[in-house]
């Protein structure tokens, strides 16, 4: 943790697999460094569990362990999608290089989300909720959203209805991406059937909003 902090990374440290899962459930991380010898279970089983969970399926992992070489050979190296297998004692330069690769891959793999919302405070809250989960772009109205949709590909739209220059629903025919309506009023049932979720401001917690977004993105990226 000290090595990474001195290199400018913000880090959380946990002592076992249980608390690792708890932390990963509460927050999104760009990468995970992992010892294979943990007090409550072996590291390989933890990696397999994380790979089975949609939010952590693509999480870049750097193994740092006295068992790194042995387990890597047993698993034929990249079977679990590991960025690097580092043996202890730690080679500081190699550790930093691996973590930088992991973070770069995490950012590149993040889905792009367009949030169409005229309220800057709400846009800021949603951007914070999606930190580490997605690359989010904010559009303040229909014209801005249309320009962004014309030049970029998005994996999800989060859409307010009441915009300064019209209804956000006018954007529905212009995208094939899933849409989450996050507005101050309920949606007509006929329209609701055409979107991934309808959430009402003031009745939706940040956790519920984040879960709906993460679930929609996971379904979008799930193999068929």
C-alpha atoms as a PDB file:
ATOM      1  CA  UNK A   1       0.000   0.000   0.000  1.00  0.00           C
ATOM      2  CA  UNK A   2       2.836   2.384   0.814  1.00  0.00           C
ATOM      3  CA  UNK A   3       4.536   1.763  -2.543  1.00  0.00           C
ATOM      4  CA  UNK A   4       1.313   2.439  -4.451  1.00  0.00           C
ATOM      5  CA  UNK A   5       0.397   5.484  -2.361  1.00  0.00           C
ATOM      6  CA  UNK A   6       3.822   7.028  -2.951  1.00  0.00           C
ATOM      7  CA  UNK A   7       3.273   6.517  -6.688  1.00  0.00           C
ATOM      8  CA  UNK A   8       0.010   8.476  -6.530  1.00  0.00           C
ATOM      9  CA  UNK A   9      -2.561   5.705  -6.295  1.00  0.00           C
ATOM     10  CA  UNK A  10      -5.439   5.902  -3.818  1.00  0.00           C
ATOM     11  CA  UNK A  11      -5.544   2.526  -2.083  1.00  0.00           C
ATOM     12  CA  UNK A  12      -7.673   0.581   0.371  1.00  0.00           C
ATOM     13  CA  UNK A  13      -6.090  -2.364   2.191  1.00  0.00           C
ATOM     14  CA  UNK A  14      -8.030  -5.302   3.643  1.00  0.00           C
ATOM     15  CA  UNK A  15      -6.669  -8.377   5.476  1.00  0.00           C
ATOM     16  CA  UNK A  16      -8.879 -11.181   4.147  1.00  0.00           C
ATOM     17  CA  UNK A  17     -11.203 -12.333   1.371  1.00  0.00           C
ATOM     18  CA  UNK A  18     -14.419 -11.533   3.217  1.00  0.00           C
ATOM     19  CA  UNK A  19     -13.534  -7.896   3.638  1.00  0.00           C
ATOM     20  CA  UNK A  20     -12.223  -7.730   0.090  1.00  0.00           C
ATOM     21  CA  UNK A  21     -15.645  -8.794  -1.200  1.00  0.00           C
ATOM     22  CA  UNK A  22     -17.338  -6.284   1.109  1.00  0.00           C
ATOM     23  CA  UNK A  23     -15.143  -3.453  -0.191  1.00  0.00           C
ATOM     24  CA  UNK A  24     -15.685  -4.440  -3.815  1.00  0.00           C
ATOM     25  CA  UNK A  25     -19.436  -4.486  -3.191  1.00  0.00           C
ATOM     26  CA  UNK A  26     -19.408  -0.965  -1.764  1.00  0.00           C
ATOM     27  CA  UNK A  27     -16.993   0.727  -4.151  1.00  0.00           C
ATOM     28  CA  UNK A  28     -15.599   0.385  -7.643  1.00  0.00           C
ATOM     29  CA  UNK A  29     -11.850  -0.055  -8.085  1.00  0.00           C
ATOM     30  CA  UNK A  30      -9.600   0.279 -11.111  1.00  0.00           C
ATOM     31  CA  UNK A  31      -7.533  -2.755 -10.070  1.00  0.00           C
ATOM     32  CA  UNK A  32      -6.944  -5.318  -7.318  1.00  0.00           C
ATOM     33  CA  UNK A  33      -3.616  -6.542  -5.931  1.00  0.00           C
ATOM     34  CA  UNK A  34      -4.027  -9.900  -4.281  1.00  0.00           C
ATOM     35  CA  UNK A  35      -2.057 -12.293  -2.102  1.00  0.00           C
ATOM     36  CA  UNK A  36      -2.926 -15.950  -2.696  1.00  0.00           C
ATOM     37  CA  UNK A  37      -2.468 -16.892   0.960  1.00  0.00           C
ATOM     38  CA  UNK A  38      -5.359 -15.409   2.923  1.00  0.00           C
ATOM     39  CA  UNK A  39      -6.505 -16.281   6.457  1.00  0.00           C
ATOM     40  CA  UNK A  40     -10.071 -17.220   5.475  1.00  0.00           C
ATOM     41  CA  UNK A  41      -9.666 -18.867   2.047  1.00  0.00           C
ATOM     42  CA  UNK A  42      -7.231 -19.309  -0.821  1.00  0.00           C
ATOM     43  CA  UNK A  43      -6.757 -16.486  -3.277  1.00  0.00           C
ATOM     44  CA  UNK A  44      -7.526 -18.547  -6.378  1.00  0.00           C
ATOM     45  CA  UNK A  45     -11.059 -19.341  -5.146  1.00  0.00           C
ATOM     46  CA  UNK A  46     -11.563 -15.643  -4.481  1.00  0.00           C
ATOM     47  CA  UNK A  47     -10.473 -14.794  -8.042  1.00  0.00           C
ATOM     48  CA  UNK A  48     -12.897 -17.370  -9.443  1.00  0.00           C
ATOM     49  CA  UNK A  49     -15.742 -15.881  -7.389  1.00  0.00           C
ATOM     50  CA  UNK A  50     -14.923 -12.378  -8.591  1.00  0.00           C
ATOM     51  CA  UNK A  51     -14.891 -13.602 -12.196  1.00  0.00           C
ATOM     52  CA  UNK A  52     -18.399 -15.030 -11.676  1.00  0.00           C
ATOM     53  CA  UNK A  53     -19.756 -11.672 -10.464  1.00  0.00           C
ATOM     54  CA  UNK A  54     -20.754  -9.245 -13.262  1.00  0.00           C
ATOM     55  CA  UNK A  55     -19.398  -6.099 -11.521  1.00  0.00           C
ATOM     56  CA  UNK A  56     -15.931  -7.683 -11.038  1.00  0.00           C
ATOM     57  CA  UNK A  57     -15.819 -10.022 -14.024  1.00  0.00           C
ATOM     58  CA  UNK A  58     -13.341  -7.788 -15.868  1.00  0.00           C
ATOM     59  CA  UNK A  59     -11.578  -6.327 -12.804  1.00  0.00           C
ATOM     60  CA  UNK A  60      -7.815  -6.251 -13.536  1.00  0.00           C
ATOM     61  CA  UNK A  61      -5.939  -8.298 -10.913  1.00  0.00           C
ATOM     62  CA  UNK A  62      -2.250  -8.299 -10.040  1.00  0.00           C
ATOM     63  CA  UNK A  63      -1.180 -11.279  -7.930  1.00  0.00           C
ATOM     64  CA  UNK A  64       1.537 -10.540  -5.356  1.00  0.00           C
ATOM     65  CA  UNK A  65       2.388 -13.716  -3.454  1.00  0.00           C
ATOM     66  CA  UNK A  66       5.130 -16.179  -2.515  1.00  0.00           C
ATOM     67  CA  UNK A  67       3.005 -18.741  -4.412  1.00  0.00           C
ATOM     68  CA  UNK A  68       2.702 -16.634  -7.566  1.00  0.00           C
ATOM     69  CA  UNK A  69       5.067 -18.640  -9.769  1.00  0.00           C
ATOM     70  CA  UNK A  70       3.757 -22.014  -8.623  1.00  0.00           C
ATOM     71  CA  UNK A  71       0.091 -21.188  -9.089  1.00  0.00           C
ATOM     72  CA  UNK A  72       0.737 -19.408 -12.398  1.00  0.00           C
ATOM     73  CA  UNK A  73       2.364 -22.564 -13.762  1.00  0.00           C
ATOM     74  CA  UNK A  74      -0.467 -24.745 -12.453  1.00  0.00           C
ATOM     75  CA  UNK A  75      -3.073 -22.513 -14.104  1.00  0.00           C
ATOM     76  CA  UNK A  76      -1.131 -22.021 -17.337  1.00  0.00           C
ATOM     77  CA  UNK A  77      -0.571 -18.343 -16.634  1.00  0.00           C
ATOM     78  CA  UNK A  78      -3.494 -16.313 -17.903  1.00  0.00           C
ATOM     79  CA  UNK A  79      -6.342 -18.724 -17.228  1.00  0.00           C
ATOM     80  CA  UNK A  80      -7.930 -16.243 -14.820  1.00  0.00           C
ATOM     81  CA  UNK A  81      -7.108 -13.086 -16.721  1.00  0.00           C
ATOM     82  CA  UNK A  82      -4.322 -11.934 -14.386  1.00  0.00           C
ATOM     83  CA  UNK A  83      -2.334  -8.843 -15.402  1.00  0.00           C
ATOM     84  CA  UNK A  84       0.875 -10.157 -13.793  1.00  0.00           C
ATOM     85  CA  UNK A  85       2.069 -12.736 -11.255  1.00  0.00           C
ATOM     86  CA  UNK A  86       4.598 -11.163  -8.876  1.00  0.00           C
ATOM     87  CA  UNK A  87       6.582 -13.152  -6.348  1.00  0.00           C
ATOM     88  CA  UNK A  88       7.637 -11.821  -2.966  1.00  0.00           C
ATOM     89  CA  UNK A  89       9.834 -10.083  -2.003  1.00  0.00           C
ATOM     90  CA  UNK A  90       8.217  -7.344  -4.044  1.00  0.00           C
ATOM     91  CA  UNK A  91      10.001  -5.850  -7.030  1.00  0.00           C
ATOM     92  CA  UNK A  92       8.786  -2.250  -6.680  1.00  0.00           C
ATOM     93  CA  UNK A  93       9.339  -1.304 -10.316  1.00  0.00           C
ATOM     94  CA  UNK A  94       7.543  -4.367 -11.642  1.00  0.00           C
ATOM     95  CA  UNK A  95       4.669  -3.871  -9.203  1.00  0.00           C
ATOM     96  CA  UNK A  96       4.127  -0.280 -10.307  1.00  0.00           C
ATOM     97  CA  UNK A  97       4.375  -1.221 -13.973  1.00  0.00           C
ATOM     98  CA  UNK A  98       1.774  -3.973 -13.500  1.00  0.00           C
ATOM     99  CA  UNK A  99      -0.624  -1.733 -11.602  1.00  0.00           C
ATOM    100  CA  UNK A 100      -0.298   1.008 -14.219  1.00  0.00           C
ATOM    101  CA  UNK A 101      -1.139  -1.526 -16.947  1.00  0.00           C
ATOM    102  CA  UNK A 102      -4.079  -2.739 -14.898  1.00  0.00           C
ATOM    103  CA  UNK A 103      -5.460   0.749 -14.356  1.00  0.00           C
ATOM    104  CA  UNK A 104      -5.016   1.631 -18.041  1.00  0.00           C
ATOM    105  CA  UNK A 105      -6.883  -1.516 -19.064  1.00  0.00           C
ATOM    106  CA  UNK A 106      -9.649  -0.843 -16.570  1.00  0.00           C
ATOM    107  CA  UNK A 107     -10.206   2.647 -17.949  1.00  0.00           C
ATOM    108  CA  UNK A 108     -10.145   1.460 -21.552  1.00  0.00           C
ATOM    109  CA  UNK A 109     -12.683  -1.275 -20.823  1.00  0.00           C
ATOM    110  CA  UNK A 110     -15.157   0.954 -19.041  1.00  0.00           C
ATOM    111  CA  UNK A 111     -18.478   1.366 -20.839  1.00  0.00           C
ATOM    112  CA  UNK A 112     -19.481   4.828 -22.052  1.00  0.00           C
ATOM    113  CA  UNK A 113     -22.665   6.213 -20.516  1.00  0.00           C
ATOM    114  CA  UNK A 114     -24.532   9.316 -21.648  1.00  0.00           C
ATOM    115  CA  UNK A 115     -26.442  11.111 -18.892  1.00  0.00           C
ATOM    116  CA  UNK A 116     -28.966  13.616 -20.217  1.00  0.00           C
ATOM    117  CA  UNK A 117     -29.744  15.891 -17.285  1.00  0.00           C
ATOM    118  CA  UNK A 118     -30.150  19.674 -17.005  1.00  0.00           C
ATOM    119  CA  UNK A 119     -29.493  19.823 -13.247  1.00  0.00           C
ATOM    120  CA  UNK A 120     -25.730  20.104 -12.740  1.00  0.00           C
ATOM    121  CA  UNK A 121     -25.943  18.896  -9.126  1.00  0.00           C
ATOM    122  CA  UNK A 122     -27.739  15.693 -10.091  1.00  0.00           C
ATOM    123  CA  UNK A 123     -25.315  15.138 -12.968  1.00  0.00           C
ATOM    124  CA  UNK A 124     -22.436  15.496 -10.513  1.00  0.00           C
ATOM    125  CA  UNK A 125     -23.945  12.978  -8.091  1.00  0.00           C
ATOM    126  CA  UNK A 126     -24.440  10.401 -10.854  1.00  0.00           C
ATOM    127  CA  UNK A 127     -20.902  10.941 -12.144  1.00  0.00           C
ATOM    128  CA  UNK A 128     -19.589  10.262  -8.630  1.00  0.00           C
ATOM    129  CA  UNK A 129     -21.717   7.124  -8.319  1.00  0.00           C
ATOM    130  CA  UNK A 130     -20.284   5.789 -11.569  1.00  0.00           C
ATOM    131  CA  UNK A 131     -16.668   6.628 -10.771  1.00  0.00           C
ATOM    132  CA  UNK A 132     -14.627   3.555 -11.622  1.00  0.00           C
ATOM    133  CA  UNK A 133     -17.635   1.851 -13.218  1.00  0.00           C
ATOM    134  CA  UNK A 134     -18.112   3.772 -16.445  1.00  0.00           C
ATOM    135  CA  UNK A 135     -16.884   6.723 -18.458  1.00  0.00           C
ATOM    136  CA  UNK A 136     -19.798   9.135 -18.186  1.00  0.00           C
ATOM    137  CA  UNK A 137     -20.620  12.090 -20.410  1.00  0.00           C
ATOM    138  CA  UNK A 138     -23.232  14.652 -19.409  1.00  0.00           C
ATOM    139  CA  UNK A 139     -25.572  16.425 -21.815  1.00  0.00           C
ATOM    140  CA  UNK A 140     -27.665  19.318 -20.527  1.00  0.00           C
ATOM    141  CA  UNK A 141     -30.390  19.172 -23.186  1.00  0.00           C
ATOM    142  CA  UNK A 142     -31.706  17.537 -26.346  1.00  0.00           C
ATOM    143  CA  UNK A 143     -29.432  19.337 -28.815  1.00  0.00           C
ATOM    144  CA  UNK A 144     -26.333  18.518 -26.787  1.00  0.00           C
ATOM    145  CA  UNK A 145     -27.416  14.884 -26.457  1.00  0.00           C
ATOM    146  CA  UNK A 146     -28.128  14.567 -30.168  1.00  0.00           C
ATOM    147  CA  UNK A 147     -24.661  15.880 -31.030  1.00  0.00           C
ATOM    148  CA  UNK A 148     -23.040  13.358 -28.708  1.00  0.00           C
ATOM    149  CA  UNK A 149     -25.144  10.472 -29.997  1.00  0.00           C
ATOM    150  CA  UNK A 150     -24.234  11.402 -33.578  1.00  0.00           C
ATOM    151  CA  UNK A 151     -20.482  11.099 -33.025  1.00  0.00           C
ATOM    152  CA  UNK A 152     -20.135   8.521 -30.249  1.00  0.00           C
ATOM    153  CA  UNK A 153     -21.265   5.065 -29.246  1.00  0.00           C
ATOM    154  CA  UNK A 154     -22.776   4.658 -25.781  1.00  0.00           C
ATOM    155  CA  UNK A 155     -23.655   1.467 -23.963  1.00  0.00           C
ATOM    156  CA  UNK A 156     -26.309   3.112 -21.782  1.00  0.00           C
ATOM    157  CA  UNK A 157     -28.379   6.314 -21.614  1.00  0.00           C
ATOM    158  CA  UNK A 158     -29.626   7.802 -18.356  1.00  0.00           C
ATOM    159  CA  UNK A 159     -32.411  10.131 -19.330  1.00  0.00           C
ATOM    160  CA  UNK A 160     -34.394  12.905 -17.672  1.00  0.00           C
ATOM    161  CA  UNK A 161     -37.720  13.725 -19.279  1.00  0.00           C
ATOM    162  CA  UNK A 162     -38.093  17.432 -18.514  1.00  0.00           C
ATOM    163  CA  UNK A 163     -35.295  19.211 -20.378  1.00  0.00           C
ATOM    164  CA  UNK A 164     -34.983  22.918 -21.225  1.00  0.00           C
ATOM    165  CA  UNK A 165     -35.440  22.280 -24.951  1.00  0.00           C
ATOM    166  CA  UNK A 166     -38.001  19.481 -24.919  1.00  0.00           C
ATOM    167  CA  UNK A 167     -38.738  15.973 -23.696  1.00  0.00           C
ATOM    168  CA  UNK A 168     -35.920  13.510 -23.185  1.00  0.00           C
ATOM    169  CA  UNK A 169     -38.202  10.834 -24.591  1.00  0.00           C
ATOM    170  CA  UNK A 170     -37.611  12.333 -28.040  1.00  0.00           C
ATOM    171  CA  UNK A 171     -34.171  10.693 -27.931  1.00  0.00           C
ATOM    172  CA  UNK A 172     -35.521   7.134 -27.700  1.00  0.00           C
ATOM    173  CA  UNK A 173     -35.795   6.615 -31.492  1.00  0.00           C
ATOM    174  CA  UNK A 174     -32.204   7.816 -31.916  1.00  0.00           C
ATOM    175  CA  UNK A 175     -30.453   5.120 -29.893  1.00  0.00           C
ATOM    176  CA  UNK A 176     -30.243   1.354 -29.732  1.00  0.00           C
ATOM    177  CA  UNK A 177     -28.594   1.454 -26.310  1.00  0.00           C
ATOM    178  CA  UNK A 178     -30.564   0.546 -23.167  1.00  0.00           C
ATOM    179  CA  UNK A 179     -32.195   3.532 -21.485  1.00  0.00           C
ATOM    180  CA  UNK A 180     -32.760   4.223 -17.800  1.00  0.00           C
ATOM    181  CA  UNK A 181     -35.273   6.997 -17.233  1.00  0.00           C
ATOM    182  CA  UNK A 182     -34.342   8.956 -14.111  1.00  0.00           C
ATOM    183  CA  UNK A 183     -36.892  11.704 -13.778  1.00  0.00           C
ATOM    184  CA  UNK A 184     -39.083  13.536 -11.291  1.00  0.00           C
ATOM    185  CA  UNK A 185     -42.255  11.849 -12.509  1.00  0.00           C
ATOM    186  CA  UNK A 186     -43.532   8.405 -13.376  1.00  0.00           C
ATOM    187  CA  UNK A 187     -43.607   7.219 -16.949  1.00  0.00           C
ATOM    188  CA  UNK A 188     -46.565   6.074 -19.004  1.00  0.00           C
ATOM    189  CA  UNK A 189     -46.728   2.229 -18.835  1.00  0.00           C
ATOM    190  CA  UNK A 190     -46.601   1.908 -22.625  1.00  0.00           C
ATOM    191  CA  UNK A 191     -43.341   3.874 -22.745  1.00  0.00           C
ATOM    192  CA  UNK A 192     -41.948   2.072 -19.684  1.00  0.00           C
ATOM    193  CA  UNK A 193     -41.974  -1.228 -21.537  1.00  0.00           C
ATOM    194  CA  UNK A 194     -39.427   0.139 -23.993  1.00  0.00           C
ATOM    195  CA  UNK A 195     -36.760   1.116 -21.446  1.00  0.00           C
ATOM    196  CA  UNK A 196     -34.488  -0.813 -19.107  1.00  0.00           C
ATOM    197  CA  UNK A 197     -35.715   0.878 -15.914  1.00  0.00           C
ATOM    198  CA  UNK A 198     -37.767   3.820 -14.666  1.00  0.00           C
ATOM    199  CA  UNK A 199     -36.551   5.511 -11.489  1.00  0.00           C
ATOM    200  CA  UNK A 200     -38.189   8.510  -9.857  1.00  0.00           C
ATOM    201  CA  UNK A 201     -36.090  11.246  -8.291  1.00  0.00           C
ATOM    202  CA  UNK A 202     -36.819  11.649  -4.606  1.00  0.00           C
ATOM    203  CA  UNK A 203     -37.993   8.046  -4.331  1.00  0.00           C
ATOM    204  CA  UNK A 204     -34.767   6.397  -5.458  1.00  0.00           C
ATOM    205  CA  UNK A 205     -31.687   6.117  -3.255  1.00  0.00           C
ATOM    206  CA  UNK A 206     -28.175   6.505  -4.640  1.00  0.00           C
ATOM    207  CA  UNK A 207     -27.590   2.805  -3.996  1.00  0.00           C
ATOM    208  CA  UNK A 208     -30.716   1.833  -5.957  1.00  0.00           C
ATOM    209  CA  UNK A 209     -29.719   4.088  -8.838  1.00  0.00           C
ATOM    210  CA  UNK A 210     -26.193   2.720  -8.944  1.00  0.00           C
ATOM    211  CA  UNK A 211     -27.430  -0.878  -8.796  1.00  0.00           C
ATOM    212  CA  UNK A 212     -29.838  -0.274 -11.671  1.00  0.00           C
ATOM    213  CA  UNK A 213     -27.039   1.212 -13.784  1.00  0.00           C
ATOM    214  CA  UNK A 214     -24.559  -1.550 -12.982  1.00  0.00           C
ATOM    215  CA  UNK A 215     -27.168  -4.234 -13.704  1.00  0.00           C
ATOM    216  CA  UNK A 216     -28.124  -2.665 -17.036  1.00  0.00           C
ATOM    217  CA  UNK A 217     -24.472  -2.469 -18.084  1.00  0.00           C
ATOM    218  CA  UNK A 218     -23.837  -6.061 -16.991  1.00  0.00           C
ATOM    219  CA  UNK A 219     -26.770  -7.290 -19.083  1.00  0.00           C
ATOM    220  CA  UNK A 220     -25.499  -5.261 -22.027  1.00  0.00           C
ATOM    221  CA  UNK A 221     -22.041  -6.818 -21.800  1.00  0.00           C
ATOM    222  CA  UNK A 222     -23.090 -10.358 -20.896  1.00  0.00           C
ATOM    223  CA  UNK A 223     -22.154 -12.969 -23.543  1.00  0.00           C
ATOM    224  CA  UNK A 224     -25.027 -14.434 -25.545  1.00  0.00           C
END
